[in-house]
Amino acid sequence: SNQEEEPAQLLDDEANKNLPVKEKTSCCTGLKAFLAALSLSYLSKALSGTIMKSSITQIERRFDLPSSTVGFIDGSFEMGNLLVIAFVSYFGAKLHRPRVIAIGCFTMALGSFLTAMPHFFMGYYKYESASRTVSSANLTSSINPCSQHQDVNKTLVEVSLSGCEKEPSSHMWIYILLGNMLRGIGETPITPLGISYLDDFAKEEDVPVYVACLHTIAMLGPMFGFLLGSLCAKLYVDVGFVDLGSITITPQDSRWVGAWWLGFLIAGVASFLAAIPFCFLPKRLKKPDNDKTSDGLLEKTDATRTKLTPAEPKPRKGPVILKGKYFYTSLKKVLSNRMYITFLCCSLLQFSSFIGFMTYKPKYLEQQYGQSVSKSNFLIG
């Protein structure tokens, strides 16, 4: 009986060897790991963008800038984004996409740190004050001599006129502009390369769920950003460097400047941490069994392209720079799509009004309803 059992056992062992074995994938190489890292990058970019919106009034007061210049500083983010978005989206898709996203997050962190840098080089904030006596109540109150509407005598204005001049270091707002532009450049690969990576290696029915998760987590960024901006606005701009007991103004005072730089440091650290996971993700993932190619979507696209341009040679593998000639062809095809151009125009109108609304809404609440910067940011957040 033992001799009969041995051949049967050998047959079972051979059958087990022929069974398909599921490949074990590392937790840091899976699609869910990429989704988690991309969600963190979405959160960090929304956080840093909201910090800039909540610090507009602080920067305007600290550097003695007009509203038009502050608006130009805020718009430098879109300028940097527009400079490289088309090139990054086209050439980045042919490179190691997770690492390109990591470089973008590192660039965002560098831009945030550069934005906060002027605080450490331009000295302490000096607010001007003048004393006057109110005869009816026998009280002394502090006023701002730089205000356009003030009920003081001319001699006092002339004496305090030197305090209305800009500080020699006021030109350092250029570093804020450059940092914001650098942050816009760093944000460019996150959305186009991240969404295309999910679309290539996720199941077709799961892609909408993944994108919805990204946008849901991204919505937390503005909330945390405005709350963080509200907290920083309560802190004096030179907190940790001066004796707060000697500060005679409060956050409700129009001369108060909060710790606007602190939010950018926190946002920079968040962007730096968001970049680390992308450094360990692979260039490609194993495609699901029911890939889109099985439905003939990509095959039909290639066949249509071959029929339309039969004389055009197929691009060969080589350096990305050599493929630059195909960039203009692809750009021309995209810009000739009327439906796509119509969608772009609608998006342009929508986001233009939204960005202007979010940029100056805190300042409107301050001036129209007499709220402090901290409370305005808290109400919006």
Protein backbone atom coordinates (compact mmCIF):
# COMPACT_ATOMS: atom_id res chain seq x y z
CA SER A 1 0.00 0.00 0.00
CA ASN A 2 2.95 2.31 0.70
CA GLN A 3 4.27 1.73 -2.82
CA GLU A 4 0.88 2.81 -4.28
CA GLU A 5 0.77 6.00 -2.19
CA GLU A 6 4.24 7.18 -3.27
CA PRO A 7 3.37 7.61 -7.03
CA ALA A 8 0.13 9.39 -6.07
CA GLN A 9 2.06 11.78 -3.82
CA LEU A 10 4.56 12.47 -6.61
CA LEU A 11 1.71 13.31 -8.98
CA ASP A 12 0.22 15.71 -6.43
CA ASP A 13 3.58 17.45 -6.00
CA GLU A 14 3.96 17.89 -9.76
CA ALA A 15 0.42 19.27 -10.01
CA ASN A 16 1.12 21.77 -7.24
CA LYS A 17 4.24 22.94 -9.04
CA ASN A 18 2.23 23.65 -12.19
CA LEU A 19 -0.34 25.76 -10.33
CA PRO A 20 -0.04 29.52 -10.95
CA VAL A 21 1.68 31.24 -8.07
CA LYS A 22 0.57 34.77 -7.17
CA GLU A 23 3.46 37.19 -7.22
CA LYS A 24 3.98 39.07 -3.99
CA THR A 25 4.26 42.78 -4.51
CA SER A 26 5.94 45.03 -2.04
CA CYS A 27 3.74 47.52 -0.22
CA CYS A 28 5.84 50.40 -1.55
CA THR A 29 5.56 49.33 -5.18
CA GLY A 30 1.80 48.94 -5.39
CA LEU A 31 -0.80 51.22 -6.86
CA LYS A 32 -2.27 51.96 -3.44
CA ALA A 33 1.11 53.21 -2.24
CA PHE A 34 1.27 55.53 -5.23
CA LEU A 35 -2.28 56.73 -4.53
CA ALA A 36 -1.37 57.48 -0.90
CA ALA A 37 1.77 59.38 -1.94
CA LEU A 38 -0.14 61.32 -4.59
CA SER A 39 -2.85 62.19 -2.06
CA LEU A 40 -0.20 63.58 0.27
CA SER A 41 1.24 65.68 -2.56
CA TYR A 42 -2.25 67.00 -3.40
CA LEU A 43 -2.73 67.93 0.25
CA SER A 44 0.65 69.67 0.47
CA LYS A 45 0.16 71.71 -2.70
CA ALA A 46 -3.32 72.82 -1.61
CA LEU A 47 -1.92 73.69 1.82
CA SER A 48 0.92 75.82 0.45
CA GLY A 49 -1.41 77.58 -2.00
CA THR A 50 -3.86 78.47 0.75
CA ILE A 51 -1.07 79.71 3.00
CA MET A 52 -0.19 82.23 0.30
CA LYS A 53 -3.81 83.40 0.06
CA SER A 54 -4.10 83.81 3.82
CA SER A 55 -0.80 85.75 4.03
CA ILE A 56 -1.59 88.38 1.40
CA THR A 57 -2.48 91.10 3.92
CA GLN A 58 0.50 90.26 6.12
CA ILE A 59 2.93 90.52 3.19
CA GLU A 60 1.34 93.78 2.06
CA ARG A 61 1.85 95.38 5.47
CA ARG A 62 5.28 93.92 6.14
CA PHE A 63 6.80 95.08 2.85
CA ASP A 64 4.66 98.23 2.47
CA LEU A 65 3.34 97.15 -0.93
CA PRO A 66 0.29 98.32 -2.89
CA SER A 67 -2.48 95.83 -3.60
CA SER A 68 -1.55 95.68 -7.29
CA THR A 69 1.97 94.49 -6.47
CA VAL A 70 0.65 91.92 -4.02
CA GLY A 71 -1.71 90.65 -6.71
CA PHE A 72 1.24 90.37 -9.08
CA ILE A 73 3.13 88.33 -6.47
CA ASP A 74 0.17 86.01 -6.04
CA GLY A 75 -0.17 85.64 -9.82
CA SER A 76 3.48 84.62 -10.19
CA PHE A 77 2.44 81.10 -9.22
CA GLU A 78 0.34 80.77 -12.37
CA MET A 79 3.15 82.35 -14.40
CA GLY A 80 5.60 79.67 -13.32
CA ASN A 81 3.00 77.00 -13.91
CA LEU A 82 2.25 78.14 -17.45
CA LEU A 83 5.93 78.33 -18.38
CA VAL A 84 6.54 74.60 -18.08
CA ILE A 85 3.19 72.79 -17.86
CA ALA A 86 3.04 71.78 -21.52
CA PHE A 87 6.64 70.57 -21.65
CA VAL A 88 6.45 68.72 -18.33
CA SER A 89 3.21 66.97 -19.29
CA TYR A 90 4.57 65.84 -22.67
CA PHE A 91 8.17 64.90 -21.88
CA GLY A 92 7.51 63.82 -18.28
CA ALA A 93 5.17 61.06 -19.45
CA LYS A 94 8.13 59.45 -21.25
CA LEU A 95 10.36 59.53 -18.16
CA HIS A 96 10.18 57.98 -14.70
CA ARG A 97 6.91 59.64 -13.67
CA PRO A 98 7.09 59.06 -9.89
CA ARG A 99 10.58 60.54 -9.77
CA VAL A 100 9.51 63.52 -11.86
CA ILE A 101 6.70 64.11 -9.36
CA ALA A 102 9.26 63.81 -6.55
CA ILE A 103 11.40 66.49 -8.20
CA GLY A 104 8.30 68.67 -8.46
CA CYS A 105 7.52 68.27 -4.76
CA PHE A 106 11.12 69.07 -3.83
CA THR A 107 10.86 72.19 -6.01
CA MET A 108 7.65 73.18 -4.24
CA ALA A 109 9.41 72.81 -0.89
CA LEU A 110 12.31 74.93 -2.12
CA GLY A 111 9.87 77.61 -3.31
CA SER A 112 8.12 77.68 0.07
CA PHE A 113 11.43 78.02 1.91
CA LEU A 114 12.52 80.79 -0.47
CA THR A 115 9.26 82.64 0.19
CA ALA A 116 9.88 82.62 3.94
CA MET A 117 13.56 83.56 3.61
CA PRO A 118 13.18 87.41 3.55
CA HIS A 119 11.91 87.37 7.12
CA PHE A 120 15.30 86.22 8.40
CA PHE A 121 17.29 88.85 6.49
CA MET A 122 15.35 92.10 6.66
CA GLY A 123 15.49 92.80 10.39
CA TYR A 124 12.74 93.27 12.94
CA TYR A 125 9.38 94.77 12.10
CA LYS A 126 9.09 98.37 13.32
CA TYR A 127 5.59 99.75 13.57
CA GLU A 128 5.06 103.49 13.86
CA SER A 129 3.02 105.06 16.62
CA ALA A 130 2.22 108.61 17.72
CA SER A 131 0.65 109.86 20.88
CA ARG A 132 -2.10 112.44 21.08
CA THR A 133 -4.32 113.68 23.89
CA VAL A 134 -8.09 113.69 23.56
CA SER A 135 -9.29 116.67 25.58
CA SER A 136 -12.85 115.50 26.04
CA ALA A 137 -11.92 112.22 27.67
CA ASN A 138 -8.37 113.03 28.82
CA LEU A 139 -7.16 109.80 27.17
CA THR A 140 -4.11 109.03 25.09
CA SER A 141 -4.48 106.81 22.04
CA SER A 142 -2.03 105.42 19.57
CA ILE A 143 -2.48 106.31 15.91
CA ASN A 144 -0.68 105.50 12.69
CA PRO A 145 1.04 108.59 11.23
CA CYS A 146 1.10 106.97 7.80
CA SER A 147 -2.70 106.87 7.64
CA GLN A 148 -4.28 109.10 5.02
CA HIS A 149 -7.17 110.14 7.27
CA GLN A 150 -6.04 111.27 10.68
CA ASP A 151 -7.00 114.15 12.92
CA VAL A 152 -3.59 115.41 14.02
CA ASN A 153 -1.78 118.68 13.54
CA LYS A 154 0.61 119.25 10.66
CA THR A 155 3.69 119.44 12.87
CA LEU A 156 3.19 115.88 14.07
CA VAL A 157 2.83 114.64 10.52
CA GLU A 158 6.00 116.39 9.46
CA VAL A 159 7.91 114.98 12.41
CA SER A 160 6.71 111.45 11.67
CA LEU A 161 7.07 111.74 7.91
CA SER A 162 10.31 109.80 7.96
CA GLY A 163 8.45 106.83 9.42
CA CYS A 164 6.23 106.67 6.34
CA GLU A 165 9.12 105.91 4.06
CA LYS A 166 9.79 102.35 2.93
CA GLU A 167 12.54 100.42 4.59
CA PRO A 168 15.70 99.84 2.56
CA SER A 169 15.03 96.10 2.66
CA SER A 170 11.56 96.38 1.12
CA HIS A 171 12.91 95.17 -2.21
CA MET A 172 13.18 91.68 -0.73
CA TRP A 173 9.58 91.01 -1.73
CA ILE A 174 11.14 89.90 -5.03
CA TYR A 175 12.24 86.72 -3.25
CA ILE A 176 8.62 86.05 -2.37
CA LEU A 177 7.70 86.46 -6.03
CA LEU A 178 10.49 84.10 -7.12
CA GLY A 179 9.57 81.57 -4.44
CA ASN A 180 5.93 81.61 -5.47
CA MET A 181 6.90 81.20 -9.12
CA LEU A 182 9.21 78.31 -8.21
CA ARG A 183 6.36 76.70 -6.32
CA GLY A 184 4.19 76.98 -9.43
CA ILE A 185 6.89 75.29 -11.51
CA GLY A 186 7.17 72.47 -8.97
CA GLU A 187 3.44 71.79 -8.94
CA THR A 188 3.20 71.15 -12.69
CA PRO A 189 3.99 67.40 -12.80
CA ILE A 190 1.73 66.36 -9.93
CA THR A 191 -1.68 66.37 -11.60
CA PRO A 192 -0.94 65.41 -15.24
CA LEU A 193 1.66 62.73 -14.50
CA GLY A 194 -0.12 61.43 -11.41
CA ILE A 195 -3.49 61.01 -13.11
CA SER A 196 -1.90 59.42 -16.20
CA TYR A 197 0.01 56.97 -13.99
CA LEU A 198 -3.22 55.90 -12.32
CA ASP A 199 -4.99 55.67 -15.66
CA ASP A 200 -2.27 53.43 -17.10
CA PHE A 201 -1.92 50.90 -14.29
CA ALA A 202 -5.30 50.87 -12.53
CA LYS A 203 -8.42 49.02 -13.53
CA GLU A 204 -10.64 51.09 -15.76
CA GLU A 205 -13.56 50.99 -13.33
CA ASP A 206 -11.34 52.03 -10.39
CA VAL A 207 -9.86 55.17 -11.94
CA PRO A 208 -12.87 57.45 -11.14
CA VAL A 209 -12.81 56.26 -7.52
CA TYR A 210 -9.09 57.02 -7.22
CA VAL A 211 -9.50 60.48 -8.74
CA ALA A 212 -12.43 61.19 -6.40
CA CYS A 213 -10.26 60.21 -3.43
CA LEU A 214 -7.55 62.60 -4.60
CA HIS A 215 -9.91 65.56 -4.88
CA THR A 216 -11.56 64.72 -1.55
CA ILE A 217 -8.21 64.77 0.25
CA ALA A 218 -7.19 67.90 -1.67
CA MET A 219 -10.22 69.70 -0.23
CA LEU A 220 -8.71 69.30 3.23
CA GLY A 221 -5.75 71.43 2.14
CA PRO A 222 -7.60 74.78 1.98
CA MET A 223 -9.33 74.07 5.29
CA PHE A 224 -6.07 73.32 7.11
CA GLY A 225 -4.33 76.13 5.22
CA PHE A 226 -6.72 78.86 6.34
CA LEU A 227 -6.80 77.51 9.90
CA LEU A 228 -3.01 77.49 9.96
CA GLY A 229 -2.99 81.00 8.50
CA SER A 230 -5.38 82.09 11.25
CA LEU A 231 -3.08 80.64 13.90
CA CYS A 232 0.02 82.27 12.40
CA ALA A 233 -1.76 85.63 12.13
CA LYS A 234 -2.30 85.61 15.90
CA LEU A 235 1.44 85.31 16.47
CA TYR A 236 3.59 88.41 16.19
CA VAL A 237 5.79 88.51 13.10
CA ASP A 238 9.02 88.44 15.14
CA VAL A 239 7.85 85.80 17.62
CA GLY A 240 10.84 84.06 19.14
CA PHE A 241 13.16 86.97 18.33
CA VAL A 242 11.77 89.85 20.41
CA ASP A 243 10.22 90.27 23.83
CA LEU A 244 6.47 90.05 23.24
CA GLY A 245 5.87 92.01 26.44
CA SER A 246 7.24 95.13 24.76
CA ILE A 247 4.72 94.91 21.89
CA THR A 248 2.00 97.50 22.46
CA ILE A 249 -0.29 96.56 19.55
CA THR A 250 -2.79 93.71 19.29
CA PRO A 251 -3.99 91.57 16.35
CA GLN A 252 -6.98 93.91 16.03
CA ASP A 253 -4.66 96.83 15.25
CA SER A 254 -4.24 97.78 11.59
CA ARG A 255 -0.46 97.84 12.05
CA TRP A 256 -0.28 94.27 13.33
CA VAL A 257 1.69 91.81 11.20
CA GLY A 258 1.45 88.14 12.03
CA ALA A 259 4.00 85.37 11.58
CA TRP A 260 3.31 85.01 7.85
CA TRP A 261 6.63 83.20 7.29
CA LEU A 262 5.83 80.35 9.67
CA GLY A 263 3.10 78.93 7.44
CA PHE A 264 5.46 78.73 4.48
CA LEU A 265 8.02 76.81 6.52
CA ILE A 266 5.37 74.28 7.54
CA ALA A 267 4.13 73.99 3.95
CA GLY A 268 7.71 73.50 2.75
CA VAL A 269 8.26 70.65 5.20
CA ALA A 270 4.97 69.04 4.09
CA SER A 271 6.01 69.24 0.42
CA PHE A 272 9.43 67.80 1.24
CA LEU A 273 7.88 64.85 3.08
CA ALA A 274 5.42 64.29 0.22
CA ALA A 275 8.32 63.91 -2.22
CA ILE A 276 10.09 61.10 -0.36
CA PRO A 277 7.69 58.18 -1.17
CA PHE A 278 7.87 58.87 -4.92
CA CYS A 279 11.62 58.20 -4.88
CA PHE A 280 10.97 54.51 -4.09
CA LEU A 281 8.11 53.85 -6.52
CA PRO A 282 8.76 51.97 -9.79
CA LYS A 283 8.53 53.42 -13.25
CA ARG A 284 5.92 50.86 -14.26
CA LEU A 285 3.46 48.65 -12.46
CA LYS A 286 1.96 45.36 -13.50
CA LYS A 287 -1.11 46.09 -15.60
CA PRO A 288 -4.40 44.51 -14.52
CA ASP A 289 -5.72 41.50 -16.38
CA ASN A 290 -8.64 43.40 -17.87
CA ASP A 291 -6.42 46.12 -19.32
CA LYS A 292 -7.80 48.69 -21.68
CA THR A 293 -5.85 47.16 -24.54
CA SER A 294 -8.09 44.08 -24.35
CA ASP A 295 -11.07 46.24 -25.24
CA GLY A 296 -9.23 47.55 -28.25
CA LEU A 297 -9.16 51.18 -27.11
CA LEU A 298 -5.45 51.78 -27.57
CA GLU A 299 -5.27 49.48 -30.58
CA LYS A 300 -8.00 51.43 -32.31
CA THR A 301 -6.25 54.69 -31.52
CA ASP A 302 -2.99 53.42 -33.02
CA ALA A 303 -4.81 52.08 -36.07
CA THR A 304 -6.57 55.40 -36.63
CA ARG A 305 -3.30 57.28 -36.29
CA THR A 306 -1.67 54.96 -38.83
CA LYS A 307 -4.48 55.48 -41.32
CA LEU A 308 -4.41 59.24 -40.95
CA THR A 309 -0.63 59.54 -41.30
CA PRO A 310 0.61 56.44 -43.18
CA ALA A 311 3.79 58.15 -44.36
CA GLU A 312 4.81 59.28 -40.87
CA PRO A 313 7.48 56.99 -39.42
CA LYS A 314 6.90 55.42 -36.03
CA PRO A 315 8.88 57.19 -33.29
CA ARG A 316 11.85 55.14 -32.22
CA LYS A 317 13.10 54.75 -28.74
CA GLY A 318 15.82 57.22 -27.94
CA PRO A 319 16.62 60.30 -25.91
CA VAL A 320 13.64 62.42 -24.95
CA ILE A 321 15.23 65.48 -26.56
CA LEU A 322 15.10 63.81 -29.97
CA LYS A 323 11.34 63.40 -29.62
CA GLY A 324 10.80 67.14 -29.36
CA LYS A 325 9.70 67.39 -32.97
CA TYR A 326 6.60 65.33 -32.14
CA PHE A 327 5.67 67.77 -29.38
CA TYR A 328 4.53 70.47 -31.78
CA THR A 329 2.52 67.94 -33.79
CA SER A 330 0.69 66.78 -30.68
CA LEU A 331 0.15 70.36 -29.50
CA LYS A 332 -1.31 71.31 -32.87
CA LYS A 333 -3.76 68.40 -32.76
CA VAL A 334 -4.89 69.34 -29.27
CA LEU A 335 -5.36 73.03 -30.08
CA SER A 336 -7.36 72.18 -33.20
CA ASN A 337 -9.96 70.35 -31.11
CA ARG A 338 -12.89 72.76 -30.78
CA MET A 339 -14.52 70.93 -27.90
CA TYR A 340 -11.28 70.98 -25.91
CA ILE A 341 -10.73 74.69 -26.58
CA THR A 342 -14.30 75.46 -25.47
CA PHE A 343 -13.72 73.55 -22.25
CA LEU A 344 -10.48 75.47 -21.66
CA CYS A 345 -12.25 78.82 -22.10
CA CYS A 346 -14.96 77.83 -19.62
CA SER A 347 -12.35 76.66 -17.11
CA LEU A 348 -10.41 79.90 -17.60
CA LEU A 349 -13.43 82.04 -16.72
CA GLN A 350 -14.32 79.84 -13.77
CA PHE A 351 -10.89 79.75 -12.16
CA SER A 352 -10.15 83.42 -12.87
CA SER A 353 -13.13 84.51 -10.80
CA PHE A 354 -12.45 81.91 -8.12
CA ILE A 355 -8.79 82.85 -7.66
CA GLY A 356 -9.55 86.57 -7.45
CA PHE A 357 -12.31 85.85 -4.96
CA MET A 358 -10.10 83.71 -2.72
CA THR A 359 -7.16 86.12 -2.91
CA TYR A 360 -8.92 89.27 -1.71
CA LYS A 361 -11.80 87.84 0.32
CA PRO A 362 -9.84 87.91 3.63
CA LYS A 363 -8.85 91.52 3.03
CA TYR A 364 -12.45 92.42 2.19
CA LEU A 365 -13.66 90.93 5.48
CA GLU A 366 -11.01 92.89 7.35
CA GLN A 367 -11.80 96.27 5.84
CA GLN A 368 -15.56 95.96 5.36
CA TYR A 369 -16.46 94.30 8.66
CA GLY A 370 -13.53 95.37 10.84
CA GLN A 371 -12.28 91.84 11.48
CA SER A 372 -8.72 90.90 12.28
CA VAL A 373 -6.60 88.93 9.83
CA SER A 374 -6.73 85.90 12.09
CA LYS A 375 -10.50 85.89 12.37
CA SER A 376 -10.98 86.48 8.63
CA ASN A 377 -8.84 83.46 7.78
CA PHE A 378 -10.64 81.39 10.40
CA LEU A 379 -14.07 82.27 8.98
CA ILE A 380 -13.01 81.37 5.44
CA GLY A 381 -11.37 78.13 6.57
